[in-house]
Amino acid sequence: MGDTERLSLLVGDGTVPSGAEVEVPVMNGFAAFTGDFVLDIDRAWEVVYGFARTRTVPPGEWCES
């Protein structure tokens, strides 16, 4: 796997139970994520906006996949 294929996911905040799945818009489609990696919408936007603005990884528990 090349460097461009690495992915890190921020651990969810308990908004959705671990065993449940949520479809999230990703690029040109949707991807299913378990509750282990789902954030409240306000927190999710905060993470995305903060990263886009500062180019730094937000604090939290990240899992490389």
Protein backbone atom coordinates (compact mmCIF):
# COMPACT_ATOMS: atom_id res chain seq x y z
CA MET A 1 0.00 0.00 0.00
CA GLY A 2 1.45 3.39 -0.98
CA ASP A 3 1.40 6.51 1.17
CA THR A 4 -1.58 7.90 -0.75
CA GLU A 5 -3.68 4.89 0.25
CA ARG A 6 -3.33 5.27 4.02
CA LEU A 7 -6.33 6.28 6.04
CA SER A 8 -6.78 7.34 9.65
CA LEU A 9 -10.19 7.48 11.31
CA LEU A 10 -11.09 9.50 14.37
CA VAL A 11 -12.76 7.37 17.03
CA GLY A 12 -16.44 8.22 17.43
CA ASP A 13 -18.00 10.09 20.33
CA GLY A 14 -20.73 7.59 21.22
CA THR A 15 -23.41 9.41 19.23
CA VAL A 16 -24.22 6.15 17.42
CA PRO A 17 -24.00 2.70 19.07
CA SER A 18 -20.92 0.68 18.11
CA GLY A 19 -22.85 -1.98 16.18
CA ALA A 20 -24.94 0.46 14.12
CA GLU A 21 -23.90 1.65 10.65
CA VAL A 22 -24.20 5.12 9.18
CA GLU A 23 -23.76 6.07 5.52
CA VAL A 24 -21.53 9.09 5.07
CA PRO A 25 -20.98 11.04 1.83
CA VAL A 26 -17.40 10.43 0.63
CA MET A 27 -16.20 11.84 -2.69
CA ASN A 28 -18.72 10.70 -5.35
CA GLY A 29 -20.72 8.26 -3.27
CA PHE A 30 -21.42 7.00 0.22
CA ALA A 31 -19.42 4.85 2.62
CA ALA A 32 -20.76 2.92 5.60
CA PHE A 33 -19.08 3.42 8.98
CA THR A 34 -19.88 1.74 12.27
CA GLY A 35 -20.73 3.81 15.32
CA ASP A 36 -17.12 3.34 16.42
CA PHE A 37 -16.20 6.11 13.95
CA VAL A 38 -19.25 8.41 13.96
CA LEU A 39 -19.24 11.90 15.45
CA ASP A 40 -22.01 14.31 16.30
CA ILE A 41 -22.54 16.59 13.26
CA ASP A 42 -21.28 19.69 15.09
CA ARG A 43 -18.09 17.92 16.19
CA ALA A 44 -17.56 16.47 12.71
CA TRP A 45 -17.77 19.92 11.10
CA GLU A 46 -15.47 21.33 13.78
CA VAL A 47 -12.86 18.65 12.96
CA VAL A 48 -13.12 19.16 9.18
CA TYR A 49 -13.13 22.96 9.37
CA GLY A 50 -10.24 23.02 11.85
CA PHE A 51 -8.14 20.75 9.68
CA ALA A 52 -8.89 22.74 6.52
CA ARG A 53 -8.05 26.01 8.27
CA THR A 54 -4.91 25.00 10.18
CA ARG A 55 -3.71 21.85 8.36
CA THR A 56 -3.11 20.23 11.74
CA VAL A 57 -4.64 16.99 12.93
CA PRO A 58 -7.28 17.61 15.59
CA PRO A 59 -6.77 15.99 19.00
CA GLY A 60 -8.48 12.70 19.68
CA GLU A 61 -7.93 8.99 19.32
CA TRP A 62 -7.04 8.14 15.72
CA CYS A 63 -6.92 4.63 14.24
CA GLU A 64 -4.84 3.92 11.14
CA SER A 65 -6.61 1.65 8.72
